[in-house]
Amino acid sequence: MAEDWTQQENTHALTTYLTMMRREVAGEKVVKAHEYRRLHEENTNRSAKAYEFKMQNISAVLALNDLPYITGLTPADAYQNLLEEMLLERLENDPAERAMVLSYGKGLLQRWTRPEATAQLQVEAPPAGSAPPEPKRTFKGSKIDHAAREHACRRLGRSGEEVVLAFERQQLTAAGRTDLAEAVEHISRTEGDGTGYDILSYTPEEAKKYIEVKTTNFDKTTSFLITDNEAAFSATQPEHYHLYRLFEFGSGPKLYTLRGPIEQTCWMVAKRFEAGVR
C-alpha cells in the first residue's frame, strides 16, 4: 500500500515534479537527487527516499492516464487515490501545464524514432514463461489493472507503433533494402483498427511481417490485453505474425518479440464480456 500523504504534501510534490518536467522541456539538466534532498529539508517528516518514491507514484498516475512521465522516474506499482485525483484535476484546470506535459512526451518520441536511436534498440529475450493467474473473487477493491488501463491509452499505443515503424524501416535500410523500408505501412493509421495487426513490414528476403504492437510503461513481465480479432488473425498467418512488446517505454523503449499464433505463444484469460439486454 502507498503510504498516505497529506493534501499539502501531495501538492508540494506535484508542483516539484511538474517544475522538473518543465525545466527538462526547456533543455535544462535536472539533478533529481538534489530536488529530493531539498524537499526533505523543507519537510523533515519525509525522507529524500520517500520523495523519490512519491515522484515514481506521480509517474504511475501519468503513465496510466496516457500521459508522459519524466524519464528516469520509473512508475511505481501503487499510488494514493488522492494523488491521482489531485493531478488530473490540476491538469484539467491548467491547459498550459497539460500542454507542457504533452510537449515533453512529443520530445521523447521524436528522440526515440530517430535512426540513431532505433539502431540501438535491441531485441531482448521474452520473459520466462508463466502460468496464468488463478481466478479469485474477493469482491473487494484490488490493485491497479495495468493491462486494462494501458490498453485504453491511445497515445501510448500510437507512440509505441511509431517507434516500431521507425525501427522496422531502420533495420531494412541497414540491410540494404531501402525499397522495402519505404514500403513499410502503418496499417492502423491507413486502414484503421480492426485488421488484427498494426504494421505491415518485411524481412530483407521480402517475406511479409504482420506486426501487432503492445506497449507498456512497466517491465517486460507486465501482462497485456489481446482482442479476439487479433488472436483470430494471428492464427491465419502463423509464419508471418509477429507480436512486438515494447516495455519500460517512458524510460527509453526496450523490446521483445513473439512469432506465430498468439494462442501458442501466450496464455490468455477471459476477463470481460460484451453484454446487452435480452
C-alpha atoms as a PDB file:
ATOM      1  CA  MET A   1       0.000   0.000   0.000  1.00  0.00           C
ATOM      2  CA  ALA A   2       1.175   3.510  -0.798  1.00  0.00           C
ATOM      3  CA  GLU A   3       1.708   5.498   2.375  1.00  0.00           C
ATOM      4  CA  ASP A   4      -0.918   8.216   2.854  1.00  0.00           C
ATOM      5  CA  TRP A   5       0.370  11.741   2.378  1.00  0.00           C
ATOM      6  CA  THR A   6      -1.493  14.902   3.265  1.00  0.00           C
ATOM      7  CA  GLN A   7      -3.022  17.066   0.564  1.00  0.00           C
ATOM      8  CA  GLN A   8      -0.419  19.754   1.244  1.00  0.00           C
ATOM      9  CA  GLU A   9       2.449  17.270   0.874  1.00  0.00           C
ATOM     10  CA  ASN A  10       0.971  15.921  -2.356  1.00  0.00           C
ATOM     11  CA  THR A  11       0.531  19.438  -3.725  1.00  0.00           C
ATOM     12  CA  HIS A  12       4.162  20.282  -2.973  1.00  0.00           C
ATOM     13  CA  ALA A  13       5.385  17.063  -4.590  1.00  0.00           C
ATOM     14  CA  LEU A  14       3.225  17.579  -7.699  1.00  0.00           C
ATOM     15  CA  THR A  15       4.479  21.131  -8.104  1.00  0.00           C
ATOM     16  CA  THR A  16       8.088  19.959  -7.838  1.00  0.00           C
ATOM     17  CA  TYR A  17       7.529  17.137 -10.336  1.00  0.00           C
ATOM     18  CA  LEU A  18       5.915  19.386 -12.936  1.00  0.00           C
ATOM     19  CA  THR A  19       8.583  22.037 -12.404  1.00  0.00           C
ATOM     20  CA  MET A  20      11.310  19.458 -13.073  1.00  0.00           C
ATOM     21  CA  MET A  21       9.481  18.388 -16.240  1.00  0.00           C
ATOM     22  CA  ARG A  22       9.141  22.000 -17.383  1.00  0.00           C
ATOM     23  CA  ARG A  23      12.854  22.577 -16.840  1.00  0.00           C
ATOM     24  CA  GLU A  24      13.703  19.489 -18.918  1.00  0.00           C
ATOM     25  CA  VAL A  25      11.395  20.681 -21.706  1.00  0.00           C
ATOM     26  CA  ALA A  26      13.397  23.921 -21.667  1.00  0.00           C
ATOM     27  CA  GLY A  27      16.590  21.925 -22.148  1.00  0.00           C
ATOM     28  CA  GLU A  28      17.875  22.229 -18.609  1.00  0.00           C
ATOM     29  CA  LYS A  29      19.611  19.281 -16.922  1.00  0.00           C
ATOM     30  CA  VAL A  30      17.828  18.436 -13.673  1.00  0.00           C
ATOM     31  CA  VAL A  31      19.641  16.573 -10.890  1.00  0.00           C
ATOM     32  CA  LYS A  32      16.744  14.753  -9.283  1.00  0.00           C
ATOM     33  CA  ALA A  33      18.643  13.744  -6.142  1.00  0.00           C
ATOM     34  CA  HIS A  34      19.177  17.425  -5.348  1.00  0.00           C
ATOM     35  CA  GLU A  35      15.452  18.003  -5.565  1.00  0.00           C
ATOM     36  CA  TYR A  36      14.696  15.114  -3.194  1.00  0.00           C
ATOM     37  CA  ARG A  37      17.165  16.473  -0.635  1.00  0.00           C
ATOM     38  CA  ARG A  38      15.692  19.954  -0.924  1.00  0.00           C
ATOM     39  CA  LEU A  39      12.185  18.612  -0.356  1.00  0.00           C
ATOM     40  CA  HIS A  40      13.371  16.654   2.679  1.00  0.00           C
ATOM     41  CA  GLU A  41      15.000  19.770   4.130  1.00  0.00           C
ATOM     42  CA  GLU A  42      11.727  21.638   3.708  1.00  0.00           C
ATOM     43  CA  ASN A  43       9.731  18.793   5.287  1.00  0.00           C
ATOM     44  CA  THR A  44      11.837  16.569   7.555  1.00  0.00           C
ATOM     45  CA  ASN A  45       8.827  14.305   8.178  1.00  0.00           C
ATOM     46  CA  ARG A  46       9.590  12.748   4.773  1.00  0.00           C
ATOM     47  CA  SER A  47      12.984  11.370   3.774  1.00  0.00           C
ATOM     48  CA  ALA A  48      14.661  12.070   0.458  1.00  0.00           C
ATOM     49  CA  LYS A  49      13.987   8.430  -0.450  1.00  0.00           C
ATOM     50  CA  ALA A  50      10.298   8.888   0.347  1.00  0.00           C
ATOM     51  CA  TYR A  51      10.190  11.866  -2.005  1.00  0.00           C
ATOM     52  CA  GLU A  52      11.852   9.829  -4.740  1.00  0.00           C
ATOM     53  CA  PHE A  53       9.187   7.155  -4.374  1.00  0.00           C
ATOM     54  CA  LYS A  54       6.475   9.833  -4.388  1.00  0.00           C
ATOM     55  CA  MET A  55       7.828  11.054  -7.726  1.00  0.00           C
ATOM     56  CA  GLN A  56       7.528   7.481  -9.014  1.00  0.00           C
ATOM     57  CA  ASN A  57       3.928   7.472  -7.761  1.00  0.00           C
ATOM     58  CA  ILE A  58       3.297  10.584  -9.851  1.00  0.00           C
ATOM     59  CA  SER A  59       4.917   8.885 -12.857  1.00  0.00           C
ATOM     60  CA  ALA A  60       2.497   5.977 -12.408  1.00  0.00           C
ATOM     61  CA  VAL A  61      -0.516   8.293 -12.356  1.00  0.00           C
ATOM     62  CA  LEU A  62       0.667   9.956 -15.563  1.00  0.00           C
ATOM     63  CA  ALA A  63       1.548   6.672 -17.271  1.00  0.00           C
ATOM     64  CA  LEU A  64      -1.794   5.039 -16.504  1.00  0.00           C
ATOM     65  CA  ASN A  65      -3.690   8.099 -17.699  1.00  0.00           C
ATOM     66  CA  ASP A  66      -1.995   8.129 -21.110  1.00  0.00           C
ATOM     67  CA  LEU A  67       0.360  10.980 -20.265  1.00  0.00           C
ATOM     68  CA  PRO A  68       4.186  11.074 -20.467  1.00  0.00           C
ATOM     69  CA  TYR A  69       6.306  10.990 -17.345  1.00  0.00           C
ATOM     70  CA  ILE A  70       9.829  12.110 -16.519  1.00  0.00           C
ATOM     71  CA  THR A  71      12.470   9.782 -17.939  1.00  0.00           C
ATOM     72  CA  GLY A  72      14.301   8.005 -15.140  1.00  0.00           C
ATOM     73  CA  LEU A  73      11.352   8.148 -12.735  1.00  0.00           C
ATOM     74  CA  THR A  74      10.008   4.661 -13.358  1.00  0.00           C
ATOM     75  CA  PRO A  75       6.333   4.337 -12.403  1.00  0.00           C
ATOM     76  CA  ALA A  76       5.655   2.675  -9.063  1.00  0.00           C
ATOM     77  CA  ASP A  77       3.176  -0.200  -8.814  1.00  0.00           C
ATOM     78  CA  ALA A  78       0.846   1.635  -6.419  1.00  0.00           C
ATOM     79  CA  TYR A  79      -0.167   5.140  -5.515  1.00  0.00           C
ATOM     80  CA  GLN A  80      -2.592   7.021  -3.320  1.00  0.00           C
ATOM     81  CA  ASN A  81      -6.029   7.611  -4.918  1.00  0.00           C
ATOM     82  CA  LEU A  82      -5.955  11.200  -3.701  1.00  0.00           C
ATOM     83  CA  LEU A  83      -2.780  11.782  -5.697  1.00  0.00           C
ATOM     84  CA  GLU A  84      -4.461  10.749  -8.953  1.00  0.00           C
ATOM     85  CA  GLU A  85      -7.486  12.933  -8.274  1.00  0.00           C
ATOM     86  CA  MET A  86      -5.305  15.943  -7.488  1.00  0.00           C
ATOM     87  CA  LEU A  87      -3.032  15.570 -10.514  1.00  0.00           C
ATOM     88  CA  LEU A  88      -5.816  15.044 -13.049  1.00  0.00           C
ATOM     89  CA  GLU A  89      -7.814  17.954 -11.647  1.00  0.00           C
ATOM     90  CA  ARG A  90      -4.735  20.161 -11.770  1.00  0.00           C
ATOM     91  CA  LEU A  91      -4.013  19.343 -15.420  1.00  0.00           C
ATOM     92  CA  GLU A  92      -7.661  19.735 -16.375  1.00  0.00           C
ATOM     93  CA  ASN A  93      -7.798  23.192 -14.809  1.00  0.00           C
ATOM     94  CA  ASP A  94      -4.471  24.347 -16.223  1.00  0.00           C
ATOM     95  CA  PRO A  95      -4.342  23.842 -20.026  1.00  0.00           C
ATOM     96  CA  ALA A  96      -0.864  25.368 -20.235  1.00  0.00           C
ATOM     97  CA  GLU A  97       0.512  22.866 -17.744  1.00  0.00           C
ATOM     98  CA  ARG A  98      -1.160  19.962 -19.545  1.00  0.00           C
ATOM     99  CA  ALA A  99       0.255  21.236 -22.864  1.00  0.00           C
ATOM    100  CA  MET A 100       3.721  21.281 -21.274  1.00  0.00           C
ATOM    101  CA  VAL A 101       3.345  17.638 -20.197  1.00  0.00           C
ATOM    102  CA  LEU A 102       2.289  16.639 -23.719  1.00  0.00           C
ATOM    103  CA  SER A 103       5.187  18.604 -25.173  1.00  0.00           C
ATOM    104  CA  TYR A 104       7.556  16.582 -23.001  1.00  0.00           C
ATOM    105  CA  GLY A 105       6.157  13.378 -24.498  1.00  0.00           C
ATOM    106  CA  LYS A 106       6.429  14.655 -28.062  1.00  0.00           C
ATOM    107  CA  GLY A 107      10.068  15.455 -27.461  1.00  0.00           C
ATOM    108  CA  LEU A 108      10.774  11.949 -26.215  1.00  0.00           C
ATOM    109  CA  LEU A 109       9.019  10.354 -29.190  1.00  0.00           C
ATOM    110  CA  GLN A 110      10.996  12.477 -31.631  1.00  0.00           C
ATOM    111  CA  ARG A 111      14.191  11.364 -29.918  1.00  0.00           C
ATOM    112  CA  TRP A 112      13.285   7.670 -29.872  1.00  0.00           C
ATOM    113  CA  THR A 113      12.222   7.491 -33.531  1.00  0.00           C
ATOM    114  CA  ARG A 114      15.458   8.939 -34.893  1.00  0.00           C
ATOM    115  CA  PRO A 115      17.581   6.446 -36.894  1.00  0.00           C
ATOM    116  CA  GLU A 116      20.432   6.588 -34.366  1.00  0.00           C
ATOM    117  CA  ALA A 117      18.015   5.681 -31.577  1.00  0.00           C
ATOM    118  CA  THR A 118      16.239   2.839 -33.397  1.00  0.00           C
ATOM    119  CA  ALA A 119      19.631   1.440 -34.416  1.00  0.00           C
ATOM    120  CA  GLN A 120      20.363   0.946 -30.715  1.00  0.00           C
ATOM    121  CA  LEU A 121      17.011  -0.709 -29.949  1.00  0.00           C
ATOM    122  CA  GLN A 122      17.975  -4.330 -29.379  1.00  0.00           C
ATOM    123  CA  VAL A 123      15.509  -7.218 -29.364  1.00  0.00           C
ATOM    124  CA  GLU A 124      15.696  -8.924 -25.979  1.00  0.00           C
ATOM    125  CA  ALA A 125      14.588 -12.403 -24.974  1.00  0.00           C
ATOM    126  CA  PRO A 126      10.949 -12.663 -23.882  1.00  0.00           C
ATOM    127  CA  PRO A 127      10.303 -13.130 -20.167  1.00  0.00           C
ATOM    128  CA  ALA A 128      10.291 -16.658 -18.779  1.00  0.00           C
ATOM    129  CA  GLY A 129       7.019 -18.482 -19.318  1.00  0.00           C
ATOM    130  CA  SER A 130       4.496 -18.350 -16.516  1.00  0.00           C
ATOM    131  CA  ALA A 131       1.152 -19.835 -15.597  1.00  0.00           C
ATOM    132  CA  PRO A 132      -1.969 -17.683 -15.952  1.00  0.00           C
ATOM    133  CA  PRO A 133      -3.195 -16.118 -12.723  1.00  0.00           C
ATOM    134  CA  GLU A 134      -5.644 -18.146 -10.670  1.00  0.00           C
ATOM    135  CA  PRO A 135      -9.118 -16.595 -10.751  1.00  0.00           C
ATOM    136  CA  LYS A 136     -10.004 -15.014  -7.425  1.00  0.00           C
ATOM    137  CA  ARG A 137     -13.299 -13.451  -6.469  1.00  0.00           C
ATOM    138  CA  THR A 138     -12.928 -11.457  -3.293  1.00  0.00           C
ATOM    139  CA  PHE A 139     -15.425  -8.730  -4.283  1.00  0.00           C
ATOM    140  CA  LYS A 140     -13.071  -6.196  -2.743  1.00  0.00           C
ATOM    141  CA  GLY A 141     -11.053  -3.357  -4.168  1.00  0.00           C
ATOM    142  CA  SER A 142      -7.911  -4.570  -5.921  1.00  0.00           C
ATOM    143  CA  LYS A 143      -4.606  -3.234  -7.189  1.00  0.00           C
ATOM    144  CA  ILE A 144      -4.500  -1.261 -10.406  1.00  0.00           C
ATOM    145  CA  ASP A 145      -5.182  -3.317 -13.533  1.00  0.00           C
ATOM    146  CA  HIS A 146      -2.184  -2.074 -15.508  1.00  0.00           C
ATOM    147  CA  ALA A 147      -3.058  -4.058 -18.639  1.00  0.00           C
ATOM    148  CA  ALA A 148      -6.602  -2.694 -18.838  1.00  0.00           C
ATOM    149  CA  ARG A 149      -5.562   0.876 -18.113  1.00  0.00           C
ATOM    150  CA  GLU A 150      -2.760   0.830 -20.691  1.00  0.00           C
ATOM    151  CA  HIS A 151      -4.967  -0.862 -23.301  1.00  0.00           C
ATOM    152  CA  ALA A 152      -7.178   2.221 -23.172  1.00  0.00           C
ATOM    153  CA  CYS A 153      -4.200   4.579 -23.617  1.00  0.00           C
ATOM    154  CA  ARG A 154      -4.448   5.649 -27.246  1.00  0.00           C
ATOM    155  CA  ARG A 155      -1.457   7.994 -27.080  1.00  0.00           C
ATOM    156  CA  LEU A 156       0.781   5.345 -25.554  1.00  0.00           C
ATOM    157  CA  GLY A 157      -0.292   2.792 -28.140  1.00  0.00           C
ATOM    158  CA  ARG A 158       0.298   5.143 -31.054  1.00  0.00           C
ATOM    159  CA  SER A 159       3.693   6.176 -29.696  1.00  0.00           C
ATOM    160  CA  GLY A 160       4.742   2.541 -29.452  1.00  0.00           C
ATOM    161  CA  GLU A 161       3.634   1.929 -33.025  1.00  0.00           C
ATOM    162  CA  GLU A 162       5.649   4.937 -34.215  1.00  0.00           C
ATOM    163  CA  VAL A 163       8.786   3.548 -32.564  1.00  0.00           C
ATOM    164  CA  VAL A 164       8.288   0.099 -34.139  1.00  0.00           C
ATOM    165  CA  LEU A 165       7.577   1.714 -37.527  1.00  0.00           C
ATOM    166  CA  ALA A 166      10.872   3.618 -37.334  1.00  0.00           C
ATOM    167  CA  PHE A 167      12.680   0.500 -36.074  1.00  0.00           C
ATOM    168  CA  GLU A 168      11.484  -1.659 -38.982  1.00  0.00           C
ATOM    169  CA  ARG A 169      12.454   0.964 -41.541  1.00  0.00           C
ATOM    170  CA  GLN A 170      15.881   1.395 -39.966  1.00  0.00           C
ATOM    171  CA  GLN A 171      16.508  -2.379 -39.920  1.00  0.00           C
ATOM    172  CA  LEU A 172      15.587  -2.752 -43.599  1.00  0.00           C
ATOM    173  CA  THR A 173      17.670   0.269 -44.577  1.00  0.00           C
ATOM    174  CA  ALA A 174      20.648  -1.181 -42.691  1.00  0.00           C
ATOM    175  CA  ALA A 175      20.137  -4.444 -44.608  1.00  0.00           C
ATOM    176  CA  GLY A 176      20.330  -2.565 -47.898  1.00  0.00           C
ATOM    177  CA  ARG A 177      16.612  -2.796 -48.638  1.00  0.00           C
ATOM    178  CA  THR A 178      15.572   0.840 -48.787  1.00  0.00           C
ATOM    179  CA  ASP A 179      12.876  -0.178 -51.259  1.00  0.00           C
ATOM    180  CA  LEU A 180      11.224  -2.341 -48.603  1.00  0.00           C
ATOM    181  CA  ALA A 181      11.812   0.264 -45.914  1.00  0.00           C
ATOM    182  CA  GLU A 182       9.757   2.706 -47.958  1.00  0.00           C
ATOM    183  CA  ALA A 183       7.001   0.087 -48.301  1.00  0.00           C
ATOM    184  CA  VAL A 184       6.545  -0.438 -44.541  1.00  0.00           C
ATOM    185  CA  GLU A 185       2.986   0.680 -43.767  1.00  0.00           C
ATOM    186  CA  HIS A 186       1.334   1.889 -40.574  1.00  0.00           C
ATOM    187  CA  ILE A 187      -1.856  -0.111 -41.140  1.00  0.00           C
ATOM    188  CA  SER A 188      -3.683   1.042 -38.009  1.00  0.00           C
ATOM    189  CA  ARG A 189      -3.398   4.591 -39.367  1.00  0.00           C
ATOM    190  CA  THR A 190      -4.012   3.988 -43.070  1.00  0.00           C
ATOM    191  CA  GLU A 191      -6.785   1.412 -42.685  1.00  0.00           C
ATOM    192  CA  GLY A 192      -7.864   1.913 -39.067  1.00  0.00           C
ATOM    193  CA  ASP A 193      -8.306  -0.584 -36.258  1.00  0.00           C
ATOM    194  CA  GLY A 194      -9.832  -3.998 -36.841  1.00  0.00           C
ATOM    195  CA  THR A 195      -7.326  -5.523 -39.259  1.00  0.00           C
ATOM    196  CA  GLY A 196      -5.785  -7.656 -36.499  1.00  0.00           C
ATOM    197  CA  TYR A 197      -2.358  -6.012 -36.684  1.00  0.00           C
ATOM    198  CA  ASP A 198      -0.795  -2.534 -36.615  1.00  0.00           C
ATOM    199  CA  ILE A 199       2.134  -2.520 -39.046  1.00  0.00           C
ATOM    200  CA  LEU A 200       2.909  -4.290 -42.319  1.00  0.00           C
ATOM    201  CA  SER A 201       6.651  -4.799 -42.689  1.00  0.00           C
ATOM    202  CA  TYR A 202       9.011  -7.163 -44.479  1.00  0.00           C
ATOM    203  CA  THR A 203      12.073  -9.284 -43.973  1.00  0.00           C
ATOM    204  CA  PRO A 204      15.106  -8.453 -46.161  1.00  0.00           C
ATOM    205  CA  GLU A 205      14.079 -11.537 -48.168  1.00  0.00           C
ATOM    206  CA  GLU A 206      10.697  -9.882 -48.911  1.00  0.00           C
ATOM    207  CA  ALA A 207       8.529 -12.061 -46.668  1.00  0.00           C
ATOM    208  CA  LYS A 208       5.647 -10.138 -45.129  1.00  0.00           C
ATOM    209  CA  LYS A 209       5.544  -9.368 -41.400  1.00  0.00           C
ATOM    210  CA  TYR A 210       2.189  -8.627 -39.802  1.00  0.00           C
ATOM    211  CA  ILE A 211       3.139  -6.812 -36.603  1.00  0.00           C
ATOM    212  CA  GLU A 212       0.881  -6.185 -33.605  1.00  0.00           C
ATOM    213  CA  VAL A 213       2.423  -3.690 -31.160  1.00  0.00           C
ATOM    214  CA  LYS A 214       1.750  -3.808 -27.429  1.00  0.00           C
ATOM    215  CA  THR A 215       3.329  -1.066 -25.325  1.00  0.00           C
ATOM    216  CA  THR A 216       3.764  -0.720 -21.573  1.00  0.00           C
ATOM    217  CA  ASN A 217       5.466   1.768 -19.298  1.00  0.00           C
ATOM    218  CA  PHE A 218       6.167  -1.085 -16.874  1.00  0.00           C
ATOM    219  CA  ASP A 219       8.545  -4.052 -17.048  1.00  0.00           C
ATOM    220  CA  LYS A 220       8.592  -6.936 -19.509  1.00  0.00           C
ATOM    221  CA  THR A 221       6.571  -9.245 -17.252  1.00  0.00           C
ATOM    222  CA  THR A 222       3.524  -6.933 -17.343  1.00  0.00           C
ATOM    223  CA  SER A 223       0.577  -8.684 -18.991  1.00  0.00           C
ATOM    224  CA  PHE A 224      -1.310  -7.104 -21.881  1.00  0.00           C
ATOM    225  CA  LEU A 225      -4.755  -7.280 -23.475  1.00  0.00           C
ATOM    226  CA  ILE A 226      -5.367  -9.043 -26.773  1.00  0.00           C
ATOM    227  CA  THR A 227      -8.626  -8.741 -28.689  1.00  0.00           C
ATOM    228  CA  ASP A 228     -10.372 -11.781 -30.104  1.00  0.00           C
ATOM    229  CA  ASN A 229      -9.854 -10.257 -33.563  1.00  0.00           C
ATOM    230  CA  GLU A 230      -6.072 -10.030 -33.053  1.00  0.00           C
ATOM    231  CA  ALA A 231      -5.904 -13.609 -31.804  1.00  0.00           C
ATOM    232  CA  ALA A 232      -8.010 -14.867 -34.720  1.00  0.00           C
ATOM    233  CA  PHE A 233      -5.908 -13.031 -37.316  1.00  0.00           C
ATOM    234  CA  SER A 234      -2.659 -14.333 -35.824  1.00  0.00           C
ATOM    235  CA  ALA A 235      -3.920 -17.889 -36.389  1.00  0.00           C
ATOM    236  CA  THR A 236      -4.442 -17.166 -40.103  1.00  0.00           C
ATOM    237  CA  GLN A 237      -0.805 -16.064 -40.534  1.00  0.00           C
ATOM    238  CA  PRO A 238       1.232 -18.492 -38.398  1.00  0.00           C
ATOM    239  CA  GLU A 239       4.503 -17.882 -40.247  1.00  0.00           C
ATOM    240  CA  HIS A 240       4.160 -14.136 -40.670  1.00  0.00           C
ATOM    241  CA  TYR A 241       2.519 -12.846 -37.486  1.00  0.00           C
ATOM    242  CA  HIS A 242       4.738 -11.010 -35.010  1.00  0.00           C
ATOM    243  CA  LEU A 243       3.858  -9.509 -31.648  1.00  0.00           C
ATOM    244  CA  TYR A 244       6.232  -6.699 -30.662  1.00  0.00           C
ATOM    245  CA  ARG A 245       6.178  -5.967 -26.947  1.00  0.00           C
ATOM    246  CA  LEU A 246       7.686  -2.588 -26.048  1.00  0.00           C
ATOM    247  CA  PHE A 247       8.292  -2.250 -22.332  1.00  0.00           C
ATOM    248  CA  GLU A 248       9.655   0.392 -19.930  1.00  0.00           C
ATOM    249  CA  PHE A 249       8.589   2.736 -22.712  1.00  0.00           C
ATOM    250  CA  GLY A 250       8.666   6.017 -20.830  1.00  0.00           C
ATOM    251  CA  SER A 251      12.202   5.377 -19.580  1.00  0.00           C
ATOM    252  CA  GLY A 252      13.550   4.505 -23.029  1.00  0.00           C
ATOM    253  CA  PRO A 253      11.889   1.711 -25.055  1.00  0.00           C
ATOM    254  CA  LYS A 254      13.008  -1.899 -24.796  1.00  0.00           C
ATOM    255  CA  LEU A 255      11.679  -4.696 -26.978  1.00  0.00           C
ATOM    256  CA  TYR A 256      10.965  -8.390 -27.179  1.00  0.00           C
ATOM    257  CA  THR A 257       9.068 -10.196 -29.932  1.00  0.00           C
ATOM    258  CA  LEU A 258       6.916 -13.296 -30.283  1.00  0.00           C
ATOM    259  CA  ARG A 259       6.184 -15.028 -33.573  1.00  0.00           C
ATOM    260  CA  GLY A 260       3.209 -17.143 -34.546  1.00  0.00           C
ATOM    261  CA  PRO A 261      -0.386 -17.572 -33.345  1.00  0.00           C
ATOM    262  CA  ILE A 262      -0.990 -15.799 -30.058  1.00  0.00           C
ATOM    263  CA  GLU A 263      -2.711 -18.838 -28.574  1.00  0.00           C
ATOM    264  CA  GLN A 264       0.565 -20.740 -28.989  1.00  0.00           C
ATOM    265  CA  THR A 265       2.907 -18.079 -27.600  1.00  0.00           C
ATOM    266  CA  CYS A 266       0.814 -16.624 -24.753  1.00  0.00           C
ATOM    267  CA  TRP A 267      -1.639 -17.724 -22.101  1.00  0.00           C
ATOM    268  CA  MET A 268      -4.966 -15.959 -22.363  1.00  0.00           C
ATOM    269  CA  VAL A 269      -7.587 -15.418 -19.679  1.00  0.00           C
ATOM    270  CA  ALA A 270     -11.066 -14.062 -20.418  1.00  0.00           C
ATOM    271  CA  LYS A 271     -11.655 -11.020 -18.204  1.00  0.00           C
ATOM    272  CA  ARG A 272     -14.581  -9.202 -19.845  1.00  0.00           C
ATOM    273  CA  PHE A 273     -17.771  -9.917 -21.723  1.00  0.00           C
ATOM    274  CA  GLU A 274     -19.791  -7.719 -24.044  1.00  0.00           C
ATOM    275  CA  ALA A 275     -23.370  -7.775 -22.794  1.00  0.00           C
ATOM    276  CA  GLY A 276     -26.773  -6.468 -23.717  1.00  0.00           C
ATOM    277  CA  VAL A 277     -30.338  -6.878 -22.545  1.00  0.00           C
ATOM    278  CA  ARG A 278     -32.125  -9.959 -23.836  1.00  0.00           C
END
